[in-house]
Amino acid sequence: RQAPGKEREFVGAITWIGGVTMYADS
């Protein structure tokens, strides 16, 4: 995600096969 005036930041991700996820603390 990217808010006005801010850098693009990571939110979350998932592996397509295993479905392993990770998220930003926020």
PDB file of all heavy atoms in Angstrom:
ATOM      1  N   ARG A   1       0.834  -1.189   0.000  1.00  0.00           N
ATOM      2  CA  ARG A   1       0.000   0.000   0.000  1.00  0.00           C
ATOM      3  C   ARG A   1       0.875   1.247   0.000  1.00  0.00           C
ATOM      4  O   ARG A   1       2.011   1.229   0.437  1.00  0.00           O
ATOM      5  CB  ARG A   1      -0.944   0.019   1.205  1.00  0.00           C
ATOM      6  CG  ARG A   1      -0.261   0.126   2.559  1.00  0.00           C
ATOM      7  CD  ARG A   1      -1.277  -0.038   3.684  1.00  0.00           C
ATOM      8  NE  ARG A   1      -0.684   0.130   4.992  1.00  0.00           N
ATOM      9  CZ  ARG A   1      -1.321  -0.080   6.140  1.00  0.00           C
ATOM     10  NH1 ARG A   1      -2.604  -0.476   6.129  1.00  0.00           N
ATOM     11  NH2 ARG A   1      -0.694   0.099   7.294  1.00  0.00           N
ATOM     12  N   GLN A   2       0.301   2.327  -0.503  1.00  0.00           N
ATOM     13  CA  GLN A   2       1.021   3.582  -0.560  1.00  0.00           C
ATOM     14  C   GLN A   2       0.078   4.741  -0.263  1.00  0.00           C
ATOM     15  O   GLN A   2      -0.893   4.954  -0.977  1.00  0.00           O
ATOM     16  CB  GLN A   2       1.681   3.775  -1.922  1.00  0.00           C
ATOM     17  CG  GLN A   2       2.609   4.970  -1.995  1.00  0.00           C
ATOM     18  CD  GLN A   2       3.504   4.932  -3.220  1.00  0.00           C
ATOM     19  OE1 GLN A   2       3.157   4.343  -4.238  1.00  0.00           O
ATOM     20  NE2 GLN A   2       4.660   5.565  -3.124  1.00  0.00           N
ATOM     21  N   ALA A   3       0.377   5.462   0.799  1.00  0.00           N
ATOM     22  CA  ALA A   3      -0.388   6.640   1.172  1.00  0.00           C
ATOM     23  C   ALA A   3       0.254   7.868   0.531  1.00  0.00           C
ATOM     24  O   ALA A   3       1.447   7.847   0.211  1.00  0.00           O
ATOM     25  CB  ALA A   3      -0.421   6.786   2.685  1.00  0.00           C
ATOM     26  N   PRO A   4      -0.507   8.948   0.347  1.00  0.00           N
ATOM     27  CA  PRO A   4       0.046  10.156  -0.264  1.00  0.00           C
ATOM     28  C   PRO A   4       1.282  10.661   0.478  1.00  0.00           C
ATOM     29  O   PRO A   4       1.266  10.782   1.701  1.00  0.00           O
ATOM     30  CB  PRO A   4      -1.099  11.163  -0.155  1.00  0.00           C
ATOM     31  CG  PRO A   4      -2.324  10.313  -0.159  1.00  0.00           C
ATOM     32  CD  PRO A   4      -1.947   9.094   0.638  1.00  0.00           C
ATOM     33  N   GLY A   5       2.339  10.920  -0.263  1.00  0.00           N
ATOM     34  CA  GLY A   5       3.561  11.435   0.333  1.00  0.00           C
ATOM     35  C   GLY A   5       4.411  10.406   1.044  1.00  0.00           C
ATOM     36  O   GLY A   5       5.442  10.761   1.627  1.00  0.00           O
ATOM     37  N   LYS A   6       4.003   9.149   1.013  1.00  0.00           N
ATOM     38  CA  LYS A   6       4.756   8.104   1.688  1.00  0.00           C
ATOM     39  C   LYS A   6       5.267   7.059   0.702  1.00  0.00           C
ATOM     40  O   LYS A   6       4.794   6.967  -0.422  1.00  0.00           O
ATOM     41  CB  LYS A   6       3.897   7.422   2.753  1.00  0.00           C
ATOM     42  CG  LYS A   6       3.571   8.297   3.944  1.00  0.00           C
ATOM     43  CD  LYS A   6       2.942   7.478   5.059  1.00  0.00           C
ATOM     44  CE  LYS A   6       2.774   8.283   6.322  1.00  0.00           C
ATOM     45  NZ  LYS A   6       2.231   7.453   7.433  1.00  0.00           N
ATOM     46  N   GLU A   7       6.225   6.299   1.153  1.00  0.00           N
ATOM     47  CA  GLU A   7       6.772   5.224   0.336  1.00  0.00           C
ATOM     48  C   GLU A   7       5.838   4.029   0.337  1.00  0.00           C
ATOM     49  O   GLU A   7       5.036   3.854   1.246  1.00  0.00           O
ATOM     50  CB  GLU A   7       8.145   4.797   0.873  1.00  0.00           C
ATOM     51  CG  GLU A   7       9.210   5.868   0.776  1.00  0.00           C
ATOM     52  CD  GLU A   7      10.557   5.406   1.310  1.00  0.00           C
ATOM     53  OE1 GLU A   7      10.634   4.274   1.849  1.00  0.00           O
ATOM     54  OE2 GLU A   7      11.523   6.159   1.178  1.00  0.00           O
ATOM     55  N   ARG A   8       5.949   3.229  -0.693  1.00  0.00           N
ATOM     56  CA  ARG A   8       5.167   2.015  -0.762  1.00  0.00           C
ATOM     57  C   ARG A   8       5.624   1.059   0.340  1.00  0.00           C
ATOM     58  O   ARG A   8       6.824   0.840   0.513  1.00  0.00           O
ATOM     59  CB  ARG A   8       5.325   1.362  -2.133  1.00  0.00           C
ATOM     60  CG  ARG A   8       4.390   0.192  -2.383  1.00  0.00           C
ATOM     61  CD  ARG A   8       4.353  -0.178  -3.859  1.00  0.00           C
ATOM     62  NE  ARG A   8       3.843   0.923  -4.673  1.00  0.00           N
ATOM     63  CZ  ARG A   8       3.572   0.831  -5.966  1.00  0.00           C
ATOM     64  NH1 ARG A   8       3.765  -0.320  -6.607  1.00  0.00           N
ATOM     65  NH2 ARG A   8       3.124   1.885  -6.628  1.00  0.00           N
ATOM     66  N   GLU A   9       4.666   0.502   1.072  1.00  0.00           N
ATOM     67  CA  GLU A   9       5.012  -0.381   2.166  1.00  0.00           C
ATOM     68  C   GLU A   9       4.353  -1.749   2.043  1.00  0.00           C
ATOM     69  O   GLU A   9       3.264  -1.895   1.492  1.00  0.00           O
ATOM     70  CB  GLU A   9       4.656   0.250   3.516  1.00  0.00           C
ATOM     71  CG  GLU A   9       3.172   0.421   3.759  1.00  0.00           C
ATOM     72  CD  GLU A   9       2.850   0.877   5.172  1.00  0.00           C
ATOM     73  OE1 GLU A   9       3.614   0.564   6.096  1.00  0.00           O
ATOM     74  OE2 GLU A   9       1.814   1.559   5.343  1.00  0.00           O
ATOM     75  N   PHE A  10       5.028  -2.721   2.588  1.00  0.00           N
ATOM     76  CA  PHE A  10       4.561  -4.092   2.585  1.00  0.00           C
ATOM     77  C   PHE A  10       3.365  -4.266   3.505  1.00  0.00           C
ATOM     78  O   PHE A  10       3.342  -3.735   4.610  1.00  0.00           O
ATOM     79  CB  PHE A  10       5.700  -5.010   3.031  1.00  0.00           C
ATOM     80  CG  PHE A  10       5.304  -6.440   3.234  1.00  0.00           C
ATOM     81  CD1 PHE A  10       5.130  -7.291   2.156  1.00  0.00           C
ATOM     82  CD2 PHE A  10       5.118  -6.937   4.511  1.00  0.00           C
ATOM     83  CE1 PHE A  10       4.774  -8.615   2.338  1.00  0.00           C
ATOM     84  CE2 PHE A  10       4.764  -8.256   4.717  1.00  0.00           C
ATOM     85  CZ  PHE A  10       4.590  -9.100   3.617  1.00  0.00           C
ATOM     86  N   VAL A  11       2.376  -5.024   3.052  1.00  0.00           N
ATOM     87  CA  VAL A  11       1.204  -5.343   3.862  1.00  0.00           C
ATOM     88  C   VAL A  11       1.212  -6.823   4.239  1.00  0.00           C
ATOM     89  O   VAL A  11       1.111  -7.185   5.406  1.00  0.00           O
ATOM     90  CB  VAL A  11      -0.105  -5.000   3.130  1.00  0.00           C
ATOM     91  CG1 VAL A  11      -1.319  -5.475   3.934  1.00  0.00           C
ATOM     92  CG2 VAL A  11      -0.195  -3.499   2.874  1.00  0.00           C
ATOM     93  N   GLY A  12       1.326  -7.684   3.243  1.00  0.00           N
ATOM     94  CA  GLY A  12       1.341  -9.110   3.482  1.00  0.00           C
ATOM     95  C   GLY A  12       1.674  -9.875   2.223  1.00  0.00           C
ATOM     96  O   GLY A  12       1.658  -9.330   1.125  1.00  0.00           O
ATOM     97  N   ALA A  13       1.968 -11.161   2.381  1.00  0.00           N
ATOM     98  CA  ALA A  13       2.296 -12.007   1.242  1.00  0.00           C
ATOM     99  C   ALA A  13       1.868 -13.435   1.515  1.00  0.00           C
ATOM    100  O   ALA A  13       1.677 -13.833   2.672  1.00  0.00           O
ATOM    101  CB  ALA A  13       3.792 -11.947   0.939  1.00  0.00           C
ATOM    102  N   ILE A  14       1.742 -14.204   0.450  1.00  0.00           N
ATOM    103  CA  ILE A  14       1.335 -15.596   0.559  1.00  0.00           C
ATOM    104  C   ILE A  14       2.026 -16.419  -0.514  1.00  0.00           C
ATOM    105  O   ILE A  14       2.195 -15.965  -1.643  1.00  0.00           O
ATOM    106  CB  ILE A  14      -0.206 -15.726   0.452  1.00  0.00           C
ATOM    107  CG1 ILE A  14      -0.676 -17.157   0.747  1.00  0.00           C
ATOM    108  CG2 ILE A  14      -0.692 -15.266  -0.926  1.00  0.00           C
ATOM    109  CD1 ILE A  14      -2.180 -17.278   0.931  1.00  0.00           C
ATOM    110  N   THR A  15       2.434 -17.632  -0.174  1.00  0.00           N
ATOM    111  CA  THR A  15       2.974 -18.539  -1.175  1.00  0.00           C
ATOM    112  C   THR A  15       1.811 -19.235  -1.849  1.00  0.00           C
ATOM    113  O   THR A  15       0.845 -19.632  -1.195  1.00  0.00           O
ATOM    114  CB  THR A  15       3.922 -19.580  -0.554  1.00  0.00           C
ATOM    115  OG1 THR A  15       3.221 -20.383   0.406  1.00  0.00           O
ATOM    116  CG2 THR A  15       5.103 -18.895   0.130  1.00  0.00           C
ATOM    117  N   TRP A  16       1.880 -19.369  -3.165  1.00  0.00           N
ATOM    118  CA  TRP A  16       0.740 -19.853  -3.930  1.00  0.00           C
ATOM    119  C   TRP A  16       0.375 -21.300  -3.647  1.00  0.00           C
ATOM    120  O   TRP A  16      -0.796 -21.647  -3.582  1.00  0.00           O
ATOM    121  CB  TRP A  16       0.996 -19.662  -5.420  1.00  0.00           C
ATOM    122  CG  TRP A  16      -0.264 -19.605  -6.215  1.00  0.00           C
ATOM    123  CD1 TRP A  16      -0.676 -20.480  -7.166  1.00  0.00           C
ATOM    124  CD2 TRP A  16      -1.290 -18.610  -6.112  1.00  0.00           C
ATOM    125  NE1 TRP A  16      -1.888 -20.104  -7.674  1.00  0.00           N
ATOM    126  CE2 TRP A  16      -2.296 -18.962  -7.049  1.00  0.00           C
ATOM    127  CE3 TRP A  16      -1.464 -17.459  -5.330  1.00  0.00           C
ATOM    128  CZ2 TRP A  16      -3.458 -18.199  -7.212  1.00  0.00           C
ATOM    129  CZ3 TRP A  16      -2.617 -16.706  -5.486  1.00  0.00           C
ATOM    130  CH2 TRP A  16      -3.587 -17.077  -6.421  1.00  0.00           C
ATOM    131  N   ILE A  17       1.357 -22.143  -3.487  1.00  0.00           N
ATOM    132  CA  ILE A  17       1.095 -23.561  -3.257  1.00  0.00           C
ATOM    133  C   ILE A  17       0.842 -23.875  -1.789  1.00  0.00           C
ATOM    134  O   ILE A  17      -0.187 -24.453  -1.432  1.00  0.00           O
ATOM    135  CB  ILE A  17       2.252 -24.439  -3.779  1.00  0.00           C
ATOM    136  CG1 ILE A  17       2.406 -24.272  -5.297  1.00  0.00           C
ATOM    137  CG2 ILE A  17       2.007 -25.903  -3.431  1.00  0.00           C
ATOM    138  CD1 ILE A  17       1.177 -24.668  -6.097  1.00  0.00           C
ATOM    139  N   GLY A  18       1.769 -23.513  -0.928  1.00  0.00           N
ATOM    140  CA  GLY A  18       1.652 -23.859   0.478  1.00  0.00           C
ATOM    141  C   GLY A  18       0.726 -22.977   1.294  1.00  0.00           C
ATOM    142  O   GLY A  18       0.278 -23.372   2.371  1.00  0.00           O
ATOM    143  N   GLY A  19       0.449 -21.781   0.807  1.00  0.00           N
ATOM    144  CA  GLY A  19      -0.416 -20.876   1.530  1.00  0.00           C
ATOM    145  C   GLY A  19       0.212 -20.278   2.780  1.00  0.00           C
ATOM    146  O   GLY A  19      -0.497 -19.832   3.690  1.00  0.00           O
ATOM    147  N   VAL A  20       1.528 -20.276   2.836  1.00  0.00           N
ATOM    148  CA  VAL A  20       2.225 -19.666   3.962  1.00  0.00           C
ATOM    149  C   VAL A  20       2.101 -18.155   3.856  1.00  0.00           C
ATOM    150  O   VAL A  20       2.291 -17.589   2.784  1.00  0.00           O
ATOM    151  CB  VAL A  20       3.710 -20.068   3.986  1.00  0.00           C
ATOM    152  CG1 VAL A  20       4.439 -19.398   5.141  1.00  0.00           C
ATOM    153  CG2 VAL A  20       3.847 -21.578   4.083  1.00  0.00           C
ATOM    154  N   THR A  21       1.774 -17.519   4.958  1.00  0.00           N
ATOM    155  CA  THR A  21       1.560 -16.071   4.951  1.00  0.00           C
ATOM    156  C   THR A  21       2.508 -15.340   5.880  1.00  0.00           C
ATOM    157  O   THR A  21       3.041 -15.910   6.824  1.00  0.00           O
ATOM    158  CB  THR A  21       0.120 -15.718   5.350  1.00  0.00           C
ATOM    159  OG1 THR A  21      -0.161 -16.262   6.642  1.00  0.00           O
ATOM    160  CG2 THR A  21      -0.879 -16.267   4.346  1.00  0.00           C
ATOM    161  N   MET A  22       2.697 -14.070   5.608  1.00  0.00           N
ATOM    162  CA  MET A  22       3.395 -13.180   6.507  1.00  0.00           C
ATOM    163  C   MET A  22       2.762 -11.802   6.376  1.00  0.00           C
ATOM    164  O   MET A  22       2.240 -11.446   5.320  1.00  0.00           O
ATOM    165  CB  MET A  22       4.899 -13.139   6.228  1.00  0.00           C
ATOM    166  CG  MET A  22       5.300 -12.688   4.842  1.00  0.00           C
ATOM    167  SD  MET A  22       7.118 -12.616   4.695  1.00  0.00           S
ATOM    168  CE  MET A  22       7.284 -12.326   2.937  1.00  0.00           C
ATOM    169  N   TYR A  23       2.822 -11.042   7.473  1.00  0.00           N
ATOM    170  CA  TYR A  23       2.162  -9.750   7.520  1.00  0.00           C
ATOM    171  C   TYR A  23       3.036  -8.690   8.157  1.00  0.00           C
ATOM    172  O   TYR A  23       3.890  -8.987   8.991  1.00  0.00           O
ATOM    173  CB  TYR A  23       0.869  -9.830   8.334  1.00  0.00           C
ATOM    174  CG  TYR A  23      -0.142 -10.817   7.826  1.00  0.00           C
ATOM    175  CD1 TYR A  23      -0.154 -12.132   8.278  1.00  0.00           C
ATOM    176  CD2 TYR A  23      -1.105 -10.429   6.897  1.00  0.00           C
ATOM    177  CE1 TYR A  23      -1.094 -13.040   7.808  1.00  0.00           C
ATOM    178  CE2 TYR A  23      -2.044 -11.332   6.430  1.00  0.00           C
ATOM    179  CZ  TYR A  23      -2.038 -12.632   6.890  1.00  0.00           C
ATOM    180  OH  TYR A  23      -2.969 -13.528   6.427  1.00  0.00           O
ATOM    181  N   ALA A  24       2.776  -7.458   7.782  1.00  0.00           N
ATOM    182  CA  ALA A  24       3.406  -6.341   8.464  1.00  0.00           C
ATOM    183  C   ALA A  24       2.827  -6.262   9.873  1.00  0.00           C
ATOM    184  O   ALA A  24       1.659  -6.595  10.092  1.00  0.00           O
ATOM    185  CB  ALA A  24       3.145  -5.042   7.712  1.00  0.00           C
ATOM    186  N   ASP A  25       3.636  -5.825  10.818  1.00  0.00           N
ATOM    187  CA  ASP A  25       3.170  -5.726  12.201  1.00  0.00           C
ATOM    188  C   ASP A  25       1.934  -4.835  12.334  1.00  0.00           C
ATOM    189  O   ASP A  25       1.072  -5.077  13.182  1.00  0.00           O
ATOM    190  CB  ASP A  25       4.280  -5.184  13.094  1.00  0.00           C
ATOM    191  CG  ASP A  25       5.395  -6.182  13.315  1.00  0.00           C
ATOM    192  OD1 ASP A  25       5.172  -7.392  13.125  1.00  0.00           O
ATOM    193  OD2 ASP A  25       6.506  -5.749  13.689  1.00  0.00           O
ATOM    194  N   SER A  26       1.841  -3.824  11.513  1.00  0.00           N
ATOM    195  CA  SER A  26       0.749  -2.870  11.593  1.00  0.00           C
ATOM    196  C   SER A  26      -0.618  -3.459  11.245  1.00  0.00           C
ATOM    197  O   SER A  26      -1.647  -2.881  11.591  1.00  0.00           O
ATOM    198  CB  SER A  26       1.029  -1.664  10.686  1.00  0.00           C
ATOM    199  OG  SER A  26       1.191  -2.065   9.343  1.00  0.00           O
TER     200      SER A  26
END
